[in-house]
Amino acid sequence: MPETVVEPASPGTVSTPTAPLLLFDRVSKWYGPILALNQVTLALNRGITGLVGSNGAGKSTLIKLATGQIAPSIGEVRIHGLDAIDWRARRHVGYCPDHDAFYEDLTGREFVLNMAKLCGFTNAFSRTRTEEVLARVGMADRADRRLRGYSKGMRQRVKLAQALLTDPELLILDEPLSGIDPTGRKEMLTLFRSFADQGKCLLVSSHELEELEKLTNHVAVMARGRIAAVGTIQQIRDLLDAHPLTLRVELAEARELARELLIYPDVLSVELIGESALILKVLNPQQFLHQFAELVTSKNFAVQQLEPLDDSAHAVLGYLLGGSGKT
């Protein structure tokens, strides 16, 4: 159902129907001698895009640039053709930060109401809009509790509510599912998809590819301040086939399995952890896992756990750039 908020027109908008809603054009950002973002070019329109990368990859800097909190050192960040730092551009953006910054004695309703007033709405419209967004995120019946007593999931919902106040076309969500229970996650994912169905553009930052796979198949991956790849998750996984993947295997017969694995050409290294775990580094993950399944079945190895340690974005992207994945 479309939002009812009426947003004043933004004079001076120079976008065209084909212009990206969010555009990074050869953007670099220095903090003193440190290069945090390096020649980033990215264009987003409607739909959901995941933003993935390790700590230090540049995600936070990219988000600050997109929300107009900082200006680029080189290049341009534009929203609807306007400089992202321009107040008129910010009216098109809703931001749900990862970290909390609340006045803990306020209730959730008071917090969102105050944010609505800061948007320039009248008192009457601020109250109306507050109730609409609280209902939209499932907090209408819990919004009179003090923020200091909120769970992590409730805090995430209230932050999302304030991001929706101006009915923005661009939603930037930084780790929005962090701390939310499985039922709440399912509800939030449904909510995010409904925003995309309305034609909004969502940029969802996360360090977990698995989490994003439940929401979108389109991701922008970052490493060392650069966009390493943009595409579907499967396309990005396929790029790993020629690069090492690290796996943890737990079973009682760890030593026996290690001896068997050392003869496989795709196994680069085997490390014994204690007496019941192995850390493997392998090439051609899909081929190896098929061979591994045949081995443990034929030899009756009782594998208790098989866990990819770097099947999330932070390791993927280091390999794409020829590094270790650590920044």
Protein backbone atom coordinates (compact mmCIF):
# COMPACT_ATOMS: atom_id res chain seq x y z
CA MET A 1 0.00 0.00 0.00
CA PRO A 2 1.55 3.36 -0.97
CA GLU A 3 2.66 5.72 1.78
CA THR A 4 0.47 8.75 2.44
CA VAL A 5 3.24 11.20 3.21
CA VAL A 6 3.32 14.30 1.02
CA GLU A 7 6.86 15.42 0.33
CA PRO A 8 7.63 18.94 -0.90
CA ALA A 9 9.18 19.13 -4.35
CA SER A 10 12.96 19.45 -4.44
CA PRO A 11 13.87 22.42 -6.62
CA GLY A 12 16.96 22.10 -8.71
CA THR A 13 16.78 18.35 -9.32
CA VAL A 14 18.59 17.65 -12.56
CA SER A 15 17.99 13.92 -12.97
CA THR A 16 16.43 12.39 -16.03
CA PRO A 17 14.16 9.33 -16.19
CA THR A 18 17.19 7.20 -17.07
CA ALA A 19 19.59 8.69 -14.51
CA PRO A 20 20.57 6.42 -11.58
CA LEU A 21 18.87 7.17 -8.28
CA LEU A 22 22.24 6.77 -6.54
CA LEU A 23 25.46 7.35 -8.47
CA PHE A 24 29.07 7.07 -7.35
CA ASP A 25 31.27 8.43 -10.13
CA ARG A 26 34.98 7.63 -9.65
CA VAL A 27 34.82 8.43 -5.94
CA SER A 28 37.83 8.36 -3.63
CA LYS A 29 37.95 9.35 0.03
CA TRP A 30 41.02 10.01 2.18
CA TYR A 31 41.16 10.30 5.95
CA GLY A 32 44.50 12.07 6.25
CA PRO A 33 47.04 9.69 4.68
CA ILE A 34 44.60 6.75 4.70
CA LEU A 35 42.76 5.93 1.48
CA ALA A 36 39.38 4.58 2.60
CA LEU A 37 37.64 4.52 -0.80
CA ASN A 38 39.47 4.11 -4.09
CA GLN A 39 37.91 5.10 -7.45
CA VAL A 40 34.48 3.65 -6.73
CA THR A 41 31.90 3.76 -9.51
CA LEU A 42 28.44 2.39 -8.72
CA ALA A 43 24.97 3.13 -10.09
CA LEU A 44 21.76 1.95 -8.41
CA ASN A 45 18.11 2.30 -9.35
CA ARG A 46 15.07 0.44 -8.08
CA GLY A 47 15.23 -2.88 -6.26
CA ILE A 48 17.42 -4.37 -3.53
CA THR A 49 21.22 -4.43 -3.66
CA GLY A 50 23.33 -6.06 -0.98
CA LEU A 51 26.56 -4.35 0.05
CA VAL A 52 29.04 -6.85 1.43
CA GLY A 53 32.61 -6.77 2.63
CA SER A 54 34.82 -7.26 5.67
CA ASN A 55 35.49 -4.78 8.43
CA GLY A 56 37.71 -2.13 6.87
CA ALA A 57 36.56 -2.87 3.32
CA GLY A 58 35.07 0.61 2.90
CA LYS A 59 31.36 -0.07 3.46
CA SER A 60 30.95 2.49 6.24
CA THR A 61 32.68 5.20 4.21
CA LEU A 62 30.52 4.43 1.18
CA ILE A 63 27.37 4.66 3.33
CA LYS A 64 28.45 7.97 4.88
CA LEU A 65 29.02 9.37 1.40
CA ALA A 66 25.67 8.11 0.13
CA THR A 67 23.83 9.66 3.09
CA GLY A 68 25.58 13.00 2.77
CA GLN A 69 27.41 12.77 6.10
CA ILE A 70 30.78 13.36 4.43
CA ALA A 71 31.97 14.64 1.06
CA PRO A 72 34.26 12.75 -1.33
CA SER A 73 37.87 13.80 -1.76
CA ILE A 74 37.63 13.09 -5.49
CA GLY A 75 34.67 12.27 -7.69
CA GLU A 76 30.94 12.77 -7.29
CA VAL A 77 28.16 11.16 -5.27
CA ARG A 78 24.75 12.13 -6.64
CA ILE A 79 21.17 11.33 -5.70
CA HIS A 80 18.58 12.20 -8.32
CA GLY A 81 21.29 14.25 -10.00
CA LEU A 82 21.95 16.31 -6.87
CA ASP A 83 25.13 16.32 -4.82
CA ALA A 84 24.48 13.85 -1.99
CA ILE A 85 25.55 16.41 0.59
CA ASP A 86 22.85 18.85 -0.60
CA TRP A 87 19.86 19.01 1.78
CA ARG A 88 17.50 18.56 -1.17
CA ALA A 89 19.15 15.23 -1.98
CA ARG A 90 18.83 14.06 1.60
CA ARG A 91 15.03 14.28 1.40
CA HIS A 92 15.17 11.29 -0.96
CA VAL A 93 17.18 9.16 1.48
CA GLY A 94 16.17 7.15 4.54
CA TYR A 95 19.02 5.85 6.68
CA CYS A 96 18.90 3.07 9.26
CA PRO A 97 22.33 2.99 10.96
CA ASP A 98 23.97 -0.04 12.50
CA HIS A 99 24.89 1.68 15.76
CA ASP A 100 22.34 3.08 18.20
CA ALA A 101 22.33 6.74 19.22
CA PHE A 102 19.21 7.17 21.33
CA TYR A 103 18.12 9.32 24.23
CA GLU A 104 17.38 6.25 26.33
CA ASP A 105 14.71 7.92 28.51
CA LEU A 106 12.47 8.58 25.49
CA THR A 107 9.85 6.12 24.42
CA GLY A 108 10.01 4.72 20.92
CA ARG A 109 6.99 6.84 19.96
CA GLU A 110 8.57 10.01 21.36
CA PHE A 111 11.81 9.31 19.48
CA VAL A 112 10.10 8.85 16.10
CA LEU A 113 7.83 11.85 16.72
CA ASN A 114 10.82 14.08 17.45
CA MET A 115 12.53 12.83 14.30
CA ALA A 116 9.39 13.65 12.31
CA LYS A 117 9.45 17.21 13.61
CA LEU A 118 13.11 17.50 12.63
CA CYS A 119 12.03 16.58 9.09
CA GLY A 120 10.06 19.85 9.05
CA PHE A 121 6.58 18.35 9.37
CA THR A 122 3.85 20.18 11.27
CA ASN A 123 2.97 18.90 14.74
CA ALA A 124 -0.27 17.36 13.49
CA PHE A 125 1.33 15.66 10.50
CA SER A 126 4.28 14.50 12.63
CA ARG A 127 1.88 12.64 14.93
CA THR A 128 0.02 11.09 12.00
CA ARG A 129 3.17 10.06 10.22
CA THR A 130 4.70 8.64 13.41
CA GLU A 131 1.76 6.29 13.85
CA GLU A 132 1.94 5.21 10.20
CA VAL A 133 5.60 4.25 10.26
CA LEU A 134 5.39 2.58 13.68
CA ALA A 135 2.56 0.43 12.39
CA ARG A 136 4.52 -0.33 9.24
CA VAL A 137 7.43 -1.81 11.21
CA GLY A 138 5.25 -3.64 13.73
CA MET A 139 5.96 -1.35 16.70
CA ALA A 140 2.67 0.50 17.21
CA ASP A 141 1.70 -1.57 20.25
CA ARG A 142 5.17 -1.44 21.84
CA ALA A 143 6.19 2.14 21.18
CA ASP A 144 5.33 3.51 24.65
CA ARG A 145 8.13 1.61 26.37
CA ARG A 146 11.36 3.46 27.22
CA LEU A 147 14.12 2.89 24.70
CA ARG A 148 16.51 1.76 27.44
CA GLY A 149 14.32 -1.33 27.88
CA TYR A 150 14.16 -2.25 24.19
CA SER A 151 15.65 -5.44 22.82
CA LYS A 152 18.08 -5.21 19.91
CA GLY A 153 15.33 -6.22 17.51
CA MET A 154 12.97 -3.51 18.79
CA ARG A 155 15.72 -0.92 18.44
CA GLN A 156 16.27 -1.98 14.83
CA ARG A 157 12.57 -1.58 14.09
CA VAL A 158 12.40 1.90 15.62
CA LYS A 159 15.46 2.99 13.62
CA LEU A 160 13.77 1.69 10.49
CA ALA A 161 10.59 3.59 11.39
CA GLN A 162 12.43 6.92 11.52
CA ALA A 163 14.10 6.13 8.19
CA LEU A 164 10.66 5.83 6.58
CA LEU A 165 9.30 9.17 7.76
CA THR A 166 9.76 11.05 4.48
CA ASP A 167 8.76 8.03 2.35
CA PRO A 168 12.24 8.09 0.76
CA GLU A 169 12.97 6.59 -2.64
CA LEU A 170 16.37 5.37 -1.42
CA LEU A 171 16.69 3.34 1.78
CA ILE A 172 20.17 2.67 3.13
CA LEU A 173 20.09 -0.06 5.77
CA ASP A 174 23.26 -0.93 7.69
CA GLU A 175 23.10 -4.45 9.19
CA PRO A 176 19.31 -4.13 9.62
CA LEU A 177 18.75 -7.75 10.71
CA SER A 178 21.41 -7.75 13.42
CA GLY A 179 20.06 -9.05 16.72
CA ILE A 180 16.60 -9.91 15.40
CA ASP A 181 15.13 -13.34 16.16
CA PRO A 182 14.24 -15.70 13.28
CA THR A 183 10.54 -14.77 13.28
CA GLY A 184 11.37 -11.08 13.30
CA ARG A 185 13.90 -11.57 10.50
CA LYS A 186 11.28 -13.20 8.32
CA GLU A 187 8.90 -10.29 8.93
CA MET A 188 11.60 -7.73 8.15
CA LEU A 189 12.64 -9.49 4.95
CA THR A 190 9.01 -9.44 3.83
CA LEU A 191 8.85 -5.74 4.66
CA PHE A 192 12.02 -4.97 2.67
CA ARG A 193 10.65 -6.83 -0.34
CA SER A 194 7.45 -4.81 -0.10
CA PHE A 195 9.50 -1.60 -0.29
CA ALA A 196 11.18 -2.89 -3.45
CA ASP A 197 7.78 -3.80 -4.89
CA GLN A 198 6.76 -0.16 -4.38
CA GLY A 199 9.67 0.89 -6.59
CA LYS A 200 12.09 1.93 -3.86
CA CYS A 201 15.85 1.42 -4.05
CA LEU A 202 17.35 -0.42 -1.07
CA LEU A 203 21.07 -0.66 -0.31
CA VAL A 204 21.47 -3.25 2.45
CA SER A 205 24.88 -3.56 4.07
CA SER A 206 25.89 -6.88 5.59
CA HIS A 207 28.99 -9.02 6.11
CA GLU A 208 27.04 -12.24 5.57
CA LEU A 209 26.27 -13.49 2.07
CA GLU A 210 23.93 -16.12 3.51
CA GLU A 211 21.80 -13.43 5.12
CA LEU A 212 21.58 -11.45 1.92
CA GLU A 213 20.68 -14.51 -0.16
CA LYS A 214 17.33 -14.57 1.63
CA LEU A 215 16.66 -11.01 0.52
CA THR A 216 18.26 -10.38 -2.85
CA ASN A 217 20.33 -12.00 -5.57
CA HIS A 218 22.09 -8.76 -6.51
CA VAL A 219 25.13 -7.65 -4.55
CA ALA A 220 27.97 -5.15 -4.70
CA VAL A 221 31.05 -6.52 -3.00
CA MET A 222 33.80 -4.40 -1.47
CA ALA A 223 37.40 -5.02 -0.51
CA ARG A 224 40.21 -2.60 0.31
CA GLY A 225 38.14 0.42 -0.52
CA ARG A 226 37.13 -0.76 -3.98
CA ILE A 227 34.09 -2.33 -5.60
CA ALA A 228 35.41 -5.80 -6.34
CA ALA A 229 32.35 -7.10 -8.19
CA VAL A 230 28.70 -6.38 -8.83
CA GLY A 231 26.29 -9.10 -9.87
CA THR A 232 24.34 -12.09 -8.64
CA ILE A 233 25.59 -14.07 -5.67
CA GLN A 234 26.10 -17.13 -7.87
CA GLN A 235 28.24 -15.14 -10.30
CA ILE A 236 30.40 -13.99 -7.43
CA ARG A 237 30.66 -17.48 -5.95
CA ASP A 238 31.74 -18.77 -9.36
CA LEU A 239 34.67 -16.37 -9.27
CA LEU A 240 35.99 -18.33 -6.30
CA ASP A 241 36.38 -21.59 -8.18
CA ALA A 242 40.01 -20.90 -9.02
CA HIS A 243 40.84 -19.58 -5.55
CA PRO A 244 41.30 -21.26 -2.17
CA LEU A 245 38.31 -21.86 0.09
CA THR A 246 38.77 -22.64 3.79
CA LEU A 247 36.64 -25.33 5.41
CA ARG A 248 36.35 -26.64 8.97
CA VAL A 249 35.50 -30.32 9.38
CA GLU A 250 34.66 -31.89 12.74
CA LEU A 251 34.69 -35.64 13.32
CA ALA A 252 36.21 -38.17 15.72
CA GLU A 253 38.46 -39.69 13.03
CA ALA A 254 40.15 -36.38 12.14
CA ARG A 255 43.65 -37.86 11.74
CA GLU A 256 42.45 -40.66 9.49
CA LEU A 257 40.51 -38.24 7.27
CA ALA A 258 43.52 -35.93 7.05
CA ARG A 259 45.68 -38.74 5.67
CA GLU A 260 43.06 -39.51 3.01
CA LEU A 261 42.68 -35.87 1.97
CA LEU A 262 46.38 -35.19 1.46
CA ILE A 263 46.38 -37.17 -1.79
CA TYR A 264 43.68 -34.98 -3.39
CA PRO A 265 45.11 -32.43 -5.87
CA ASP A 266 42.57 -29.75 -4.92
CA VAL A 267 43.61 -29.87 -1.25
CA LEU A 268 46.28 -27.23 -0.64
CA SER A 269 46.69 -27.77 3.10
CA VAL A 270 45.29 -29.74 6.03
CA GLU A 271 45.63 -28.52 9.61
CA LEU A 272 44.68 -30.70 12.59
CA ILE A 273 42.90 -28.76 15.36
CA GLY A 274 42.96 -30.76 18.56
CA GLU A 275 41.94 -34.36 17.97
CA SER A 276 38.56 -33.86 16.30
CA ALA A 277 38.73 -31.01 13.79
CA LEU A 278 40.47 -30.15 10.54
CA ILE A 279 40.99 -26.86 8.74
CA LEU A 280 41.22 -27.42 4.99
CA LYS A 281 42.25 -25.04 2.25
CA VAL A 282 41.00 -26.25 -1.11
CA LEU A 283 40.72 -25.22 -4.76
CA ASN A 284 37.69 -25.77 -7.00
CA PRO A 285 35.22 -25.90 -4.10
CA GLN A 286 32.30 -27.41 -6.01
CA GLN A 287 34.42 -30.23 -7.44
CA PHE A 288 36.14 -30.87 -4.12
CA LEU A 289 32.91 -31.04 -2.12
CA HIS A 290 31.54 -33.65 -4.52
CA GLN A 291 34.71 -35.72 -4.05
CA PHE A 292 34.63 -35.17 -0.29
CA ALA A 293 31.06 -36.50 -0.09
CA GLU A 294 32.09 -39.65 -1.98
CA LEU A 295 35.10 -40.14 0.31
CA VAL A 296 33.29 -39.86 3.64
CA THR A 297 30.49 -42.11 2.37
CA SER A 298 32.80 -44.83 1.06
CA LYS A 299 35.04 -44.78 4.17
CA ASN A 300 32.16 -44.37 6.66
CA PHE A 301 33.61 -41.24 8.25
CA ALA A 302 31.09 -39.84 10.74
CA VAL A 303 31.37 -36.13 9.91
CA GLN A 304 29.68 -34.07 12.62
CA GLN A 305 30.09 -30.67 10.99
CA LEU A 306 31.32 -29.21 7.70
CA GLU A 307 31.57 -25.42 7.82
CA PRO A 308 32.93 -22.99 5.21
CA LEU A 309 34.93 -20.41 7.15
CA ASP A 310 35.18 -17.88 4.33
CA ASP A 311 32.04 -18.39 2.27
CA SER A 312 30.92 -14.93 3.29
CA ALA A 313 31.93 -11.75 1.64
CA HIS A 314 35.07 -10.87 3.57
CA ALA A 315 37.12 -13.74 2.15
CA VAL A 316 35.53 -13.74 -1.30
CA LEU A 317 36.55 -10.23 -2.02
CA GLY A 318 40.11 -10.42 -0.84
CA TYR A 319 40.73 -13.16 -3.39
CA LEU A 320 39.05 -11.15 -6.14
CA LEU A 321 41.62 -8.41 -5.57
CA GLY A 322 44.55 -10.77 -5.15
CA GLY A 323 44.82 -10.25 -1.41
CA SER A 324 44.16 -12.27 1.70
CA GLY A 325 40.74 -10.91 2.47
CA LYS A 326 42.05 -9.11 5.55
CA THR A 327 42.00 -5.34 5.63
